[in-house]
Amino acid sequence: MEEEAKKSAVTGGRNNGLVVAMCLSFVIGMSAMCAAAVPLYRMFCQVTGYNGTTQRTEQVSNVILDKRIQVSFDANVAPGLPWDFKPVQKSVNPKIGETIEVKFVIENKSDKPERGQAIFNVSPLEAGVYFNKVQCFCFNETDLAPGEKREMPVVFYVDPEIATAVETKTINALTLSYTYYPRDGAKPVASNDAAVQPAGKKL
């Protein structure tokens, strides 16, 4: 009886150890999946345009339609970032496929250097995949010195396929929305670090 009891105790201890090891493996695996979820989700949004995510491209459109589409701009700053941020123009009315440049003005209202990152989307959400950015301040973090004010360009075009796709062919107005969020590790920068193209220039 004592031997059987000892064997049971040993077996039970091994089973408990196995359960603990399995639980730890599960927790570690879930943590790894959570860590990978954000970049994978961003990649998915960029490829598919899901959730209004715009497309990044290095090429301009070689097709320009006679049809125009209104593009409005929305600029926001999240709590914790003492910046003033607004579009120079509230809206534009380009031809579909036409590459144009618009500008936003940003100013650091604090007495210390600040760093931010702009997050963006397009509404209606289904139109995001057809909104192509050639140049945008949102591609990188932005550093502003104390009191610095800067013009930030965005060069974009709306893909002509928006006019034929079933889910977007009736859309005649879009809104491009930005929100700046604070980022750690702010450092002073010179105001002439961000070279921009002449105002009103079209590509």
Protein backbone atom coordinates (compact mmCIF):
# COMPACT_ATOMS: atom_id res chain seq x y z
CA MET A 1 0.00 0.00 0.00
CA GLU A 2 2.80 2.37 0.92
CA GLU A 3 4.57 1.63 -2.37
CA GLU A 4 1.42 2.30 -4.35
CA ALA A 5 0.90 5.52 -2.44
CA LYS A 6 4.45 6.62 -3.22
CA LYS A 7 4.00 5.76 -6.90
CA SER A 8 0.74 7.70 -6.98
CA ALA A 9 2.42 10.69 -5.34
CA VAL A 10 5.28 10.64 -7.86
CA THR A 11 2.88 10.23 -10.79
CA GLY A 12 0.69 13.01 -9.44
CA GLY A 13 3.70 15.30 -9.08
CA ARG A 14 4.74 14.65 -12.67
CA ASN A 15 1.22 15.31 -13.91
CA ASN A 16 1.09 18.58 -11.97
CA GLY A 17 4.44 19.60 -13.43
CA LEU A 18 3.20 18.81 -16.91
CA VAL A 19 0.06 20.89 -16.36
CA VAL A 20 2.13 23.83 -15.08
CA ALA A 21 4.50 23.56 -18.07
CA MET A 22 1.55 23.48 -20.48
CA CYS A 23 -0.03 26.51 -18.81
CA LEU A 24 3.24 28.44 -18.99
CA SER A 25 3.65 27.52 -22.65
CA PHE A 26 0.11 28.72 -23.33
CA VAL A 27 0.71 32.04 -21.57
CA ILE A 28 4.00 32.61 -23.43
CA GLY A 29 2.39 31.70 -26.74
CA MET A 30 -0.53 34.07 -26.17
CA SER A 31 1.85 36.86 -25.20
CA ALA A 32 3.83 36.36 -28.41
CA MET A 33 0.62 36.41 -30.46
CA CYS A 34 -0.51 39.63 -28.77
CA ALA A 35 2.86 41.26 -29.49
CA ALA A 36 2.63 40.29 -33.15
CA ALA A 37 -1.04 41.26 -33.51
CA VAL A 38 -0.49 45.02 -33.83
CA PRO A 39 2.11 44.99 -36.65
CA LEU A 40 0.22 42.23 -38.46
CA TYR A 41 -3.02 44.21 -38.18
CA ARG A 42 -1.30 47.32 -39.52
CA MET A 43 0.12 45.32 -42.42
CA PHE A 44 -3.33 43.89 -43.16
CA CYS A 45 -4.89 47.36 -43.12
CA GLN A 46 -2.22 48.79 -45.43
CA VAL A 47 -2.64 45.99 -47.96
CA THR A 48 -6.44 45.89 -47.94
CA GLY A 49 -7.39 49.46 -46.98
CA TYR A 50 -9.41 48.02 -44.09
CA ASN A 51 -10.63 50.52 -41.48
CA GLY A 52 -9.99 53.43 -43.83
CA THR A 53 -6.23 52.89 -44.04
CA THR A 54 -4.76 54.75 -47.01
CA GLN A 55 -2.20 53.34 -49.42
CA ARG A 56 1.43 54.46 -49.70
CA THR A 57 2.94 54.63 -53.18
CA GLU A 58 5.98 56.06 -54.94
CA GLN A 59 4.24 56.38 -58.31
CA VAL A 60 1.63 58.87 -59.46
CA SER A 61 -1.41 57.93 -61.49
CA ASN A 62 -1.14 58.11 -65.29
CA VAL A 63 -4.94 58.13 -65.63
CA ILE A 64 -6.97 61.23 -64.78
CA LEU A 65 -10.75 61.20 -65.07
CA ASP A 66 -13.02 64.14 -65.84
CA LYS A 67 -14.97 63.32 -62.69
CA ARG A 68 -14.01 65.22 -59.53
CA ILE A 69 -14.14 64.15 -55.92
CA GLN A 70 -14.19 66.39 -52.84
CA VAL A 71 -11.53 65.67 -50.23
CA SER A 72 -11.95 67.30 -46.81
CA PHE A 73 -9.31 67.39 -44.07
CA ASP A 74 -9.62 66.82 -40.33
CA ALA A 75 -6.74 67.50 -37.91
CA ASN A 76 -6.64 66.49 -34.24
CA VAL A 77 -4.11 66.31 -31.39
CA ALA A 78 -4.37 63.68 -28.64
CA PRO A 79 -4.12 64.68 -24.95
CA GLY A 80 -0.55 65.02 -23.73
CA LEU A 81 0.83 66.75 -26.82
CA PRO A 82 0.79 70.58 -26.58
CA TRP A 83 0.58 71.20 -30.33
CA ASP A 84 -1.67 73.24 -32.57
CA PHE A 85 -2.44 71.32 -35.77
CA LYS A 86 -4.68 72.30 -38.69
CA PRO A 87 -4.99 72.08 -42.48
CA VAL A 88 -4.18 75.13 -44.60
CA GLN A 89 -7.22 74.28 -46.73
CA LYS A 90 -10.32 72.65 -45.30
CA SER A 91 -11.02 70.83 -48.55
CA VAL A 92 -9.99 70.44 -52.19
CA ASN A 93 -11.83 69.23 -55.27
CA PRO A 94 -9.34 67.40 -57.53
CA LYS A 95 -10.06 65.26 -60.55
CA ILE A 96 -9.95 61.55 -59.76
CA GLY A 97 -6.42 60.37 -60.54
CA GLU A 98 -4.93 63.88 -60.32
CA THR A 99 -1.89 64.15 -58.04
CA ILE A 100 -1.99 67.22 -55.82
CA GLU A 101 -0.28 68.66 -52.78
CA VAL A 102 -1.95 70.09 -49.69
CA LYS A 103 -0.38 71.39 -46.49
CA PHE A 104 -0.99 71.24 -42.77
CA VAL A 105 0.40 73.68 -40.22
CA ILE A 106 1.75 72.40 -36.92
CA GLU A 107 3.09 74.38 -33.97
CA ASN A 108 4.67 73.36 -30.67
CA LYS A 109 2.98 75.56 -28.06
CA SER A 110 5.23 74.42 -25.22
CA ASP A 111 8.65 75.63 -24.00
CA LYS A 112 10.32 72.24 -24.54
CA PRO A 113 10.98 69.94 -27.51
CA GLU A 114 8.19 67.51 -28.31
CA ARG A 115 7.87 64.45 -30.56
CA GLY A 116 4.66 63.15 -32.12
CA GLN A 117 3.40 60.60 -34.63
CA ALA A 118 0.38 61.15 -36.86
CA ILE A 119 -2.16 58.34 -37.26
CA PHE A 120 -4.53 58.64 -40.21
CA ASN A 121 -7.57 57.18 -41.92
CA VAL A 122 -10.06 57.93 -44.67
CA SER A 123 -13.83 57.89 -44.50
CA PRO A 124 -15.95 56.35 -45.88
CA LEU A 125 -13.83 53.39 -44.78
CA GLU A 126 -14.29 51.44 -48.00
CA ALA A 127 -12.57 54.27 -49.90
CA GLY A 128 -9.30 53.96 -47.96
CA VAL A 129 -7.77 51.45 -50.37
CA TYR A 130 -8.19 53.95 -53.25
CA PHE A 131 -6.54 56.88 -51.46
CA ASN A 132 -2.84 56.89 -52.40
CA LYS A 133 -0.20 58.96 -50.62
CA VAL A 134 3.01 59.77 -52.44
CA GLN A 135 4.42 61.98 -49.69
CA CYS A 136 3.20 62.52 -46.12
CA PHE A 137 4.52 63.77 -42.77
CA CYS A 138 2.72 60.79 -41.25
CA PHE A 139 5.31 58.40 -42.69
CA ASN A 140 7.73 59.39 -39.92
CA GLU A 141 7.74 60.80 -36.41
CA THR A 142 7.74 64.59 -36.10
CA ASP A 143 10.14 66.50 -33.83
CA LEU A 144 9.41 70.13 -32.98
CA ALA A 145 11.64 72.51 -31.03
CA PRO A 146 10.05 74.79 -28.38
CA GLY A 147 7.69 77.22 -30.10
CA GLU A 148 8.52 75.85 -33.57
CA LYS A 149 5.90 76.23 -36.31
CA ARG A 150 6.10 74.23 -39.53
CA GLU A 151 4.21 73.53 -42.75
CA MET A 152 3.81 69.82 -43.48
CA PRO A 153 2.97 68.60 -47.02
CA VAL A 154 0.82 65.71 -48.15
CA VAL A 155 0.95 64.62 -51.80
CA PHE A 156 -1.82 62.24 -52.86
CA TYR A 157 -4.22 61.08 -55.54
CA VAL A 158 -7.45 59.10 -55.57
CA ASP A 159 -7.18 55.91 -57.63
CA PRO A 160 -9.44 56.05 -60.73
CA GLU A 161 -10.71 52.56 -59.88
CA ILE A 162 -12.81 54.15 -57.12
CA ALA A 163 -15.20 55.28 -59.87
CA THR A 164 -15.87 51.74 -61.10
CA ALA A 165 -15.72 49.55 -57.98
CA VAL A 166 -19.21 48.47 -56.90
CA GLU A 167 -18.77 49.52 -53.27
CA THR A 168 -17.33 53.00 -54.07
CA LYS A 169 -18.61 54.16 -57.47
CA THR A 170 -21.31 56.34 -55.87
CA ILE A 171 -18.89 58.06 -53.45
CA ASN A 172 -18.23 61.69 -54.37
CA ALA A 173 -16.63 62.98 -51.14
CA LEU A 174 -13.89 61.75 -48.80
CA THR A 175 -12.45 62.91 -45.49
CA LEU A 176 -8.77 62.45 -44.68
CA SER A 177 -8.37 62.54 -40.90
CA TYR A 178 -5.17 62.84 -38.84
CA THR A 179 -4.54 62.60 -35.12
CA TYR A 180 -1.12 63.36 -33.64
CA TYR A 181 -0.12 61.27 -30.61
CA PRO A 182 2.82 61.98 -28.28
CA ARG A 183 5.94 59.84 -28.63
CA ASP A 184 8.77 59.40 -26.13
CA GLY A 185 12.34 60.55 -26.65
CA ALA A 186 11.66 64.08 -27.89
CA LYS A 187 14.73 66.04 -28.99
CA PRO A 188 15.34 69.56 -30.35
CA VAL A 189 15.38 69.93 -34.13
CA ALA A 190 16.10 72.83 -36.43
CA SER A 191 13.07 74.28 -38.16
CA ASN A 192 14.73 73.93 -41.57
CA ASP A 193 15.11 70.16 -41.21
CA ALA A 194 11.82 69.53 -43.01
CA ALA A 195 12.21 70.69 -46.59
CA VAL A 196 8.91 71.05 -48.42
CA GLN A 197 7.94 71.77 -51.99
CA PRO A 198 6.64 75.18 -53.06
CA ALA A 199 3.04 75.80 -52.10
CA GLY A 200 0.45 74.90 -54.68
CA LYS A 201 2.81 72.76 -56.75
CA LYS A 202 1.18 69.84 -58.53
CA LEU A 203 3.03 66.73 -59.62
